Amino acid sequence: MRNLKNILVTGGCGFIGVNFIRLLFKHTPEFSGRIINLDALTYAGNITSLQEIEKEFGIDSGSTVRYFFELGDICDRQRLEGIFDKYDIDTVVNFAAESHVDRSILGPETFVKTNVMGTFALLDVARRHWQLDAEDSSGPLPVSADAEYIPGVIFHHVSTDEVYGSLGEAGFFTETTPYDPRSPYSASKAASDHLVMAWHHTYGLPVTLSNCSNNFGPFQFPEKLIPLMIINMMEGKPLPVYGDGKNIRDWLYVEDHGRALWAILSKGQLGEKYNVGGENEMENVAIIDELIKIVADKSGMDPEKIRRTIRFVKDRPGHDRRYAIDCSRIKEELGWERETSFEEGLIKTVEWYRDNMTWINRIRSGEYRYWVEENYGRR
């Protein structure tokens, strides 16, 4: 196991970052270090999702402080250097990214800036802070996953299965599948993946990389498919479905993703990548049908009435037909297994959104942005 003391989590106020931070503090007893959450708090960053963590582990907790929040952009090298020095960062988990495909089609420049240039800045600051130089033999070397102790310096980059492109009716993405991105979003993530591996091979930066399938669960921004459908069903609004609705995705409950990331951080082989999938291939229309059944059951609504609100809309450009992950490597090498079935995860997710309408309404009203404006001015 690696001895990880000061973990810089970038993008920690986003959906996956929030759940990862909560997992480490609440359900990972072997973790006793500190987390420094760096987030630019763009529209998808919601600091209120971590109020419980701030209260229990932050500077006003009244006990040993283990959680720190820093407002900042990963493109800001000076800000990054100050954080690395202030907290003596030994671990980076890079969630910071623009991630919505539709937004990338309308405004690709932001995706290139954050996902490519931001990752570059983060990599280079980490390299300089850890004093790694090209062809420096004293730099960290790959260590086998079964070693008793692995030095606690590591840069983990969180990526997506979308970098692989689109699959036909058969086959799975593996760690050796050639990259074939089809959208500005996936192209920017593919570029960042290549930068991460280049910094490892050129400078000896101790890196790991993961490519995950579609995540779902609590705290996901309402524009994404599953929370959008849940909320619209509860409120009797139309359910917009792209194209024929038969695009297939592999769905992974977000807490299982967090456990996979912790396994990689703890004992993953340096310079290697791991695919993380839920082994739950579903057509979009099938997911919506399952959600209709659950929402109807939980709310007493008529499922047929909900079903009649489905509206098929014009497909988005370059909409990949099928993604499917082969996650056998992380299962065999690191002993990770998903703990939450797709049905159980959907039920938990529906219940969470049903019970957290205040959280949803704060996003709709913009209230979740007030903290930023009050403390740092309008952004």
Protein backbone atom coordinates (compact mmCIF):
# COMPACT_ATOMS: atom_id res chain seq x y z
CA MET A 1 0.00 0.00 0.00
CA ARG A 2 1.18 3.52 -0.71
CA ASN A 3 1.52 5.93 2.17
CA LEU A 4 -0.59 8.84 0.89
CA LYS A 5 -0.54 11.85 3.21
CA ASN A 6 -1.49 15.03 1.36
CA ILE A 7 -3.87 14.38 -1.53
CA LEU A 8 -4.65 17.20 -3.95
CA VAL A 9 -8.06 16.48 -5.46
CA THR A 10 -8.71 18.76 -8.42
CA GLY A 11 -12.34 19.28 -9.39
CA GLY A 12 -13.42 17.95 -6.03
CA CYS A 13 -16.72 19.86 -6.07
CA GLY A 14 -17.89 18.07 -9.21
CA PHE A 15 -20.06 14.96 -9.21
CA ILE A 16 -17.38 12.25 -9.10
CA GLY A 17 -14.97 14.34 -7.01
CA VAL A 18 -17.59 14.97 -4.31
CA ASN A 19 -18.40 11.29 -4.04
CA PHE A 20 -14.70 10.35 -3.97
CA ILE A 21 -13.93 12.78 -1.14
CA ARG A 22 -16.95 11.58 0.84
CA LEU A 23 -15.86 7.95 0.27
CA LEU A 24 -12.34 8.54 1.61
CA PHE A 25 -13.50 10.33 4.74
CA LYS A 26 -16.58 8.24 5.49
CA HIS A 27 -15.88 4.73 4.23
CA THR A 28 -12.11 4.29 3.92
CA PRO A 29 -10.74 3.75 7.45
CA GLU A 30 -7.23 3.03 6.20
CA PHE A 31 -6.96 6.60 4.88
CA SER A 32 -5.71 8.95 7.59
CA GLY A 33 -4.21 11.72 5.48
CA ARG A 34 -5.40 15.14 4.36
CA ILE A 35 -7.39 16.16 1.29
CA ILE A 36 -6.88 19.51 -0.38
CA ASN A 37 -9.79 20.19 -2.72
CA LEU A 38 -8.92 22.59 -5.55
CA ASP A 39 -11.91 23.63 -7.64
CA ALA A 40 -12.63 26.56 -9.95
CA LEU A 41 -16.33 26.32 -9.03
CA THR A 42 -17.64 26.65 -12.55
CA TYR A 43 -21.35 25.96 -13.14
CA ALA A 44 -20.90 22.21 -12.37
CA GLY A 45 -18.91 22.72 -9.16
CA ASN A 46 -21.13 22.70 -6.09
CA ILE A 47 -19.34 23.35 -2.83
CA THR A 48 -22.54 22.84 -0.83
CA SER A 49 -22.30 19.12 -1.65
CA LEU A 50 -19.38 18.93 0.78
CA GLN A 51 -20.84 20.89 3.68
CA GLU A 52 -20.96 17.77 5.85
CA ILE A 53 -17.29 17.02 5.16
CA GLU A 54 -16.31 20.63 5.83
CA LYS A 55 -18.15 20.59 9.15
CA GLU A 56 -16.62 17.32 10.32
CA PHE A 57 -13.08 17.55 8.94
CA GLY A 58 -12.54 21.21 7.95
CA ILE A 59 -10.96 24.16 9.73
CA ASP A 60 -14.02 24.80 11.91
CA SER A 61 -14.45 21.18 12.96
CA GLY A 62 -12.82 21.63 16.34
CA SER A 63 -10.56 18.62 15.76
CA THR A 64 -7.54 17.75 13.64
CA VAL A 65 -8.05 19.44 10.29
CA ARG A 66 -7.96 17.00 7.38
CA TYR A 67 -10.01 18.78 4.72
CA PHE A 68 -9.04 22.03 3.03
CA PHE A 69 -10.75 23.88 0.20
CA GLU A 70 -8.85 26.09 -2.25
CA LEU A 71 -10.60 28.07 -4.97
CA GLY A 72 -8.55 28.03 -8.15
CA ASP A 73 -8.10 26.95 -11.74
CA ILE A 74 -5.70 24.16 -12.75
CA CYS A 75 -4.57 26.39 -15.64
CA ASP A 76 -3.13 28.84 -13.09
CA ARG A 77 0.46 27.65 -12.59
CA GLN A 78 1.25 30.18 -9.88
CA ARG A 79 -1.78 29.07 -7.89
CA LEU A 80 -0.80 25.41 -8.32
CA GLU A 81 2.78 26.03 -7.21
CA GLY A 82 1.57 27.82 -4.08
CA ILE A 83 -0.73 24.92 -3.17
CA PHE A 84 1.96 22.28 -3.74
CA ASP A 85 4.33 24.22 -1.47
CA LYS A 86 1.74 25.10 1.19
CA TYR A 87 0.47 21.56 1.67
CA ASP A 88 3.53 19.54 0.57
CA ILE A 89 1.41 17.62 -1.93
CA ASP A 90 2.48 14.00 -2.48
CA THR A 91 -0.60 12.76 -4.37
CA VAL A 92 -2.72 14.22 -7.15
CA VAL A 93 -6.11 12.93 -8.25
CA ASN A 94 -7.14 14.92 -11.30
CA PHE A 95 -10.91 15.09 -11.77
CA ALA A 96 -10.86 18.69 -13.04
CA ALA A 97 -12.38 18.72 -16.50
CA GLU A 98 -15.14 20.07 -18.66
CA SER A 99 -17.21 16.96 -19.25
CA HIS A 100 -20.51 17.53 -21.04
CA VAL A 101 -20.43 16.45 -24.69
CA ASP A 102 -23.24 18.79 -25.78
CA ARG A 103 -21.44 21.78 -24.26
CA SER A 104 -18.20 20.76 -25.99
CA ILE A 105 -19.95 20.85 -29.36
CA LEU A 106 -21.22 24.38 -28.72
CA GLY A 107 -18.05 25.73 -27.08
CA PRO A 108 -14.96 23.55 -27.63
CA GLU A 109 -12.37 26.16 -26.66
CA THR A 110 -13.11 25.86 -22.94
CA PHE A 111 -12.64 22.10 -23.16
CA VAL A 112 -9.25 22.43 -24.81
CA LYS A 113 -8.17 25.01 -22.25
CA THR A 114 -9.18 23.08 -19.13
CA ASN A 115 -8.74 19.48 -20.22
CA VAL A 116 -5.51 19.89 -22.21
CA MET A 117 -3.71 23.00 -20.97
CA GLY A 118 -4.92 22.53 -17.41
CA THR A 119 -3.67 18.95 -17.28
CA PHE A 120 -0.34 20.11 -18.76
CA ALA A 121 0.05 22.77 -16.05
CA LEU A 122 -0.79 20.30 -13.30
CA LEU A 123 1.64 17.69 -14.63
CA ASP A 124 4.49 20.14 -14.96
CA VAL A 125 4.01 21.68 -11.52
CA ALA A 126 3.91 18.19 -10.00
CA ARG A 127 7.10 17.25 -11.85
CA ARG A 128 8.94 20.36 -10.67
CA HIS A 129 7.66 20.05 -7.09
CA TRP A 130 8.76 16.41 -6.95
CA GLN A 131 12.07 17.42 -8.59
CA LEU A 132 11.92 15.03 -11.51
CA ASP A 133 14.04 15.73 -14.59
CA ALA A 134 14.24 14.13 -17.99
CA GLU A 135 16.35 10.97 -17.92
CA ASP A 136 16.96 11.38 -14.18
CA SER A 137 17.61 7.86 -12.95
CA SER A 138 16.95 8.91 -9.35
CA GLY A 139 13.26 9.52 -10.17
CA PRO A 140 10.55 7.08 -9.10
CA LEU A 141 10.44 3.81 -11.01
CA PRO A 142 7.48 1.44 -11.52
CA VAL A 143 6.91 -0.82 -8.54
CA SER A 144 5.04 -4.13 -8.66
CA ALA A 145 1.52 -4.05 -7.27
CA ASP A 146 2.27 -6.83 -4.77
CA ALA A 147 5.08 -4.92 -3.06
CA GLU A 148 4.59 -4.51 0.69
CA TYR A 149 5.25 -0.78 0.58
CA ILE A 150 5.16 1.62 -2.35
CA PRO A 151 6.53 5.19 -2.00
CA GLY A 152 3.68 7.62 -1.52
CA VAL A 153 4.13 9.91 -4.52
CA ILE A 154 1.66 9.49 -7.37
CA PHE A 155 -0.29 11.43 -10.01
CA HIS A 156 -3.58 9.81 -10.96
CA HIS A 157 -5.51 11.06 -13.98
CA VAL A 158 -9.23 10.29 -14.24
CA SER A 159 -10.40 9.87 -17.82
CA THR A 160 -13.27 8.43 -19.83
CA ASP A 161 -14.09 5.51 -22.10
CA GLU A 162 -15.18 8.02 -24.73
CA VAL A 163 -11.55 8.42 -25.84
CA TYR A 164 -11.85 5.00 -27.50
CA GLY A 165 -14.60 6.07 -29.89
CA SER A 166 -17.64 3.99 -30.76
CA LEU A 167 -18.09 0.21 -30.70
CA GLY A 168 -20.18 -1.95 -32.99
CA GLU A 169 -22.64 -4.50 -31.71
CA ALA A 170 -19.88 -6.71 -30.26
CA GLY A 171 -16.58 -6.24 -28.47
CA PHE A 172 -15.29 -4.26 -25.50
CA PHE A 173 -12.83 -1.47 -24.82
CA THR A 174 -9.61 -2.74 -23.21
CA GLU A 175 -6.57 -0.86 -21.96
CA THR A 176 -4.90 -1.43 -25.35
CA THR A 177 -7.80 -0.27 -27.53
CA PRO A 178 -6.54 2.48 -29.91
CA TYR A 179 -7.89 5.95 -29.23
CA ASP A 180 -10.52 7.21 -31.66
CA PRO A 181 -12.29 10.23 -30.07
CA ARG A 182 -15.37 11.56 -31.87
CA SER A 183 -16.31 14.77 -30.02
CA PRO A 184 -14.40 17.88 -28.83
CA TYR A 185 -14.85 16.57 -25.28
CA SER A 186 -13.40 13.12 -25.93
CA ALA A 187 -10.63 14.56 -28.11
CA SER A 188 -9.56 16.89 -25.30
CA LYS A 189 -9.56 14.01 -22.81
CA ALA A 190 -7.57 11.83 -25.21
CA ALA A 191 -4.97 14.60 -25.50
CA SER A 192 -4.72 14.87 -21.71
CA ASP A 193 -4.27 11.09 -21.40
CA HIS A 194 -1.34 11.22 -23.83
CA LEU A 195 0.25 14.08 -21.89
CA VAL A 196 0.04 12.09 -18.65
CA MET A 197 1.80 9.09 -20.16
CA ALA A 198 4.38 11.31 -21.89
CA TRP A 199 5.32 12.90 -18.55
CA HIS A 200 5.80 9.43 -17.11
CA HIS A 201 8.03 8.15 -19.91
CA THR A 202 10.00 11.38 -20.35
CA TYR A 203 10.38 12.66 -16.81
CA GLY A 204 9.72 9.59 -14.67
CA LEU A 205 6.58 11.15 -13.20
CA PRO A 206 4.85 8.41 -11.16
CA VAL A 207 1.46 8.23 -12.84
CA THR A 208 -1.57 5.99 -13.10
CA LEU A 209 -4.55 6.53 -15.37
CA SER A 210 -8.12 5.25 -15.42
CA ASN A 211 -10.79 5.28 -18.10
CA CYS A 212 -14.27 4.83 -16.69
CA SER A 213 -17.70 4.20 -18.12
CA ASN A 214 -20.74 6.43 -17.50
CA ASN A 215 -21.19 7.21 -13.81
CA PHE A 216 -24.50 7.74 -12.01
CA GLY A 217 -25.54 8.35 -8.43
CA PRO A 218 -26.03 11.16 -5.86
CA PHE A 219 -24.87 14.76 -6.46
CA GLN A 220 -24.78 14.52 -10.27
CA PHE A 221 -25.52 17.81 -12.04
CA PRO A 222 -29.13 17.74 -13.29
CA GLU A 223 -28.26 18.17 -16.99
CA LYS A 224 -27.01 14.56 -17.24
CA LEU A 225 -29.29 11.79 -18.49
CA ILE A 226 -30.27 9.90 -15.33
CA PRO A 227 -30.84 12.87 -12.96
CA LEU A 228 -32.58 14.83 -15.73
CA MET A 229 -35.00 11.97 -16.34
CA ILE A 230 -35.67 11.41 -12.64
CA ILE A 231 -36.41 15.09 -11.98
CA ASN A 232 -38.57 15.50 -15.09
CA MET A 233 -40.56 12.37 -14.19
CA MET A 234 -41.20 13.63 -10.67
CA GLU A 235 -42.38 16.97 -12.03
CA GLY A 236 -44.40 15.66 -14.97
CA LYS A 237 -42.18 17.25 -17.59
CA PRO A 238 -41.30 15.78 -21.03
CA LEU A 239 -38.50 13.21 -21.24
CA PRO A 240 -36.25 14.19 -24.19
CA VAL A 241 -34.45 11.26 -25.85
CA TYR A 242 -31.81 11.68 -28.56
CA GLY A 243 -32.41 9.89 -31.88
CA ASP A 244 -33.99 6.47 -31.53
CA GLY A 245 -32.82 6.10 -27.93
CA LYS A 246 -30.90 2.92 -28.68
CA ASN A 247 -27.42 4.27 -27.95
CA ILE A 248 -25.75 1.93 -25.47
CA ARG A 249 -23.65 2.90 -22.46
CA ASP A 250 -22.00 0.91 -19.68
CA TRP A 251 -23.21 2.30 -16.35
CA LEU A 252 -21.14 2.46 -13.15
CA TYR A 253 -22.42 3.52 -9.73
CA VAL A 254 -20.26 6.42 -8.61
CA GLU A 255 -19.26 4.95 -5.24
CA ASP A 256 -17.94 1.83 -6.97
CA HIS A 257 -15.87 4.12 -9.19
CA GLY A 258 -14.45 5.78 -6.09
CA ARG A 259 -13.44 2.42 -4.66
CA ALA A 260 -11.70 1.57 -7.91
CA LEU A 261 -9.76 4.83 -7.80
CA TRP A 262 -8.67 4.15 -4.23
CA ALA A 263 -7.46 0.67 -5.24
CA ILE A 264 -5.43 2.17 -8.09
CA LEU A 265 -3.98 4.88 -5.86
CA SER A 266 -3.12 2.37 -3.14
CA LYS A 267 -1.53 -0.37 -5.21
CA GLY A 268 -1.84 0.25 -8.95
CA GLN A 269 1.27 -0.18 -11.08
CA LEU A 270 2.94 3.06 -12.06
CA GLY A 271 2.87 4.00 -15.70
CA GLU A 272 -0.20 1.83 -16.30
CA LYS A 273 -3.88 2.43 -17.02
CA TYR A 274 -6.98 0.66 -15.77
CA ASN A 275 -10.43 0.51 -17.32
CA VAL A 276 -13.25 0.81 -14.79
CA GLY A 277 -16.69 -0.35 -15.90
CA GLY A 278 -20.00 -1.28 -14.35
CA GLU A 279 -20.63 -4.25 -16.66
CA ASN A 280 -24.13 -2.85 -17.16
CA GLU A 281 -24.75 -2.29 -20.87
CA MET A 282 -28.09 -0.58 -21.40
CA GLU A 283 -29.84 1.26 -24.21
CA ASN A 284 -30.94 4.74 -23.18
CA VAL A 285 -34.61 3.84 -23.72
CA ALA A 286 -34.20 0.80 -21.48
CA ILE A 287 -32.71 2.95 -18.71
CA ILE A 288 -35.61 5.36 -18.97
CA ASP A 289 -38.05 2.45 -18.77
CA GLU A 290 -36.37 1.20 -15.57
CA LEU A 291 -36.46 4.70 -14.09
CA ILE A 292 -40.14 5.02 -14.92
CA LYS A 293 -40.88 1.82 -12.98
CA ILE A 294 -38.86 2.93 -9.95
CA VAL A 295 -40.17 6.51 -9.87
CA ALA A 296 -43.76 5.29 -10.30
CA ASP A 297 -43.32 2.75 -7.50
CA LYS A 298 -41.73 5.26 -5.12
CA SER A 299 -44.18 8.08 -5.83
CA GLY A 300 -47.44 6.29 -6.58
CA MET A 301 -47.55 7.78 -10.08
CA ASP A 302 -49.02 6.02 -13.11
CA PRO A 303 -46.10 4.52 -15.11
CA GLU A 304 -48.02 4.68 -18.40
CA LYS A 305 -48.72 8.36 -17.88
CA ILE A 306 -45.00 8.97 -17.34
CA ARG A 307 -44.12 6.87 -20.38
CA ARG A 308 -46.36 9.01 -22.59
CA THR A 309 -44.13 12.03 -21.84
CA ILE A 310 -41.15 10.54 -23.75
CA ARG A 311 -40.19 12.80 -26.66
CA PHE A 312 -37.67 11.64 -29.29
CA VAL A 313 -35.59 14.63 -30.39
CA LYS A 314 -32.98 15.27 -33.08
CA ASP A 315 -29.79 13.35 -32.37
CA ARG A 316 -26.68 15.28 -31.46
CA PRO A 317 -23.74 15.38 -33.93
CA GLY A 318 -21.26 12.51 -33.68
CA HIS A 319 -23.31 10.61 -31.10
CA ASP A 320 -21.33 7.40 -30.41
CA ARG A 321 -23.51 4.31 -30.72
CA ARG A 322 -22.10 1.97 -28.09
CA TYR A 323 -19.56 1.93 -25.27
CA ALA A 324 -18.66 -1.19 -23.29
CA ILE A 325 -15.76 -1.66 -20.89
CA ASP A 326 -13.65 -4.75 -20.24
CA CYS A 327 -12.59 -4.16 -16.63
CA SER A 328 -10.96 -7.56 -16.07
CA ARG A 329 -7.52 -6.06 -15.47
CA ILE A 330 -8.45 -4.03 -12.39
CA LYS A 331 -10.44 -6.98 -11.05
CA GLU A 332 -7.61 -9.47 -11.49
CA GLU A 333 -4.64 -7.28 -10.50
CA LEU A 334 -6.14 -5.10 -7.77
CA GLY A 335 -9.05 -7.20 -6.53
CA TRP A 336 -11.68 -4.55 -7.23
CA GLU A 337 -15.28 -5.60 -7.79
CA ARG A 338 -18.35 -3.42 -8.13
CA GLU A 339 -20.51 -3.71 -5.03
CA THR A 340 -23.70 -2.07 -6.30
CA SER A 341 -25.90 -3.70 -8.92
CA PHE A 342 -27.40 -1.49 -11.59
CA GLU A 343 -30.94 -1.91 -10.23
CA GLU A 344 -29.81 -1.17 -6.66
CA GLY A 345 -27.87 1.86 -7.84
CA LEU A 346 -30.86 3.23 -9.74
CA ILE A 347 -33.09 2.81 -6.70
CA LYS A 348 -30.56 4.60 -4.48
CA THR A 349 -30.23 7.37 -7.04
CA VAL A 350 -33.98 7.90 -7.41
CA GLU A 351 -34.38 7.99 -3.62
CA TRP A 352 -31.53 10.48 -3.26
CA TYR A 353 -32.98 12.94 -5.79
CA ARG A 354 -36.46 12.52 -4.36
CA ASP A 355 -35.13 13.31 -0.86
CA ASN A 356 -32.87 16.19 -1.93
CA MET A 357 -35.12 18.57 -3.84
CA THR A 358 -33.61 21.44 -1.85
CA TRP A 359 -30.22 20.65 -3.40
CA ILE A 360 -31.81 20.58 -6.85
CA ASN A 361 -33.72 23.82 -6.34
CA ARG A 362 -30.57 25.60 -5.18
CA ILE A 363 -28.98 24.72 -8.50
CA ARG A 364 -32.02 25.92 -10.44
CA SER A 365 -32.18 29.21 -8.58
CA GLY A 366 -28.42 29.74 -8.65
CA GLU A 367 -28.32 29.77 -4.84
CA TYR A 368 -25.50 27.21 -4.84
CA ARG A 369 -23.36 29.94 -6.45
CA TYR A 370 -23.95 32.44 -3.64
CA TRP A 371 -21.09 31.09 -1.54
CA VAL A 372 -18.64 31.86 -4.35
CA GLU A 373 -20.02 35.33 -4.91
CA GLU A 374 -20.07 36.17 -1.19
CA ASN A 375 -16.52 34.96 -0.61
CA TYR A 376 -14.79 35.60 -3.93
CA GLY A 377 -17.05 37.83 -6.02
CA ARG A 378 -19.13 37.00 -9.08
CA ARG A 379 -17.45 34.51 -11.46
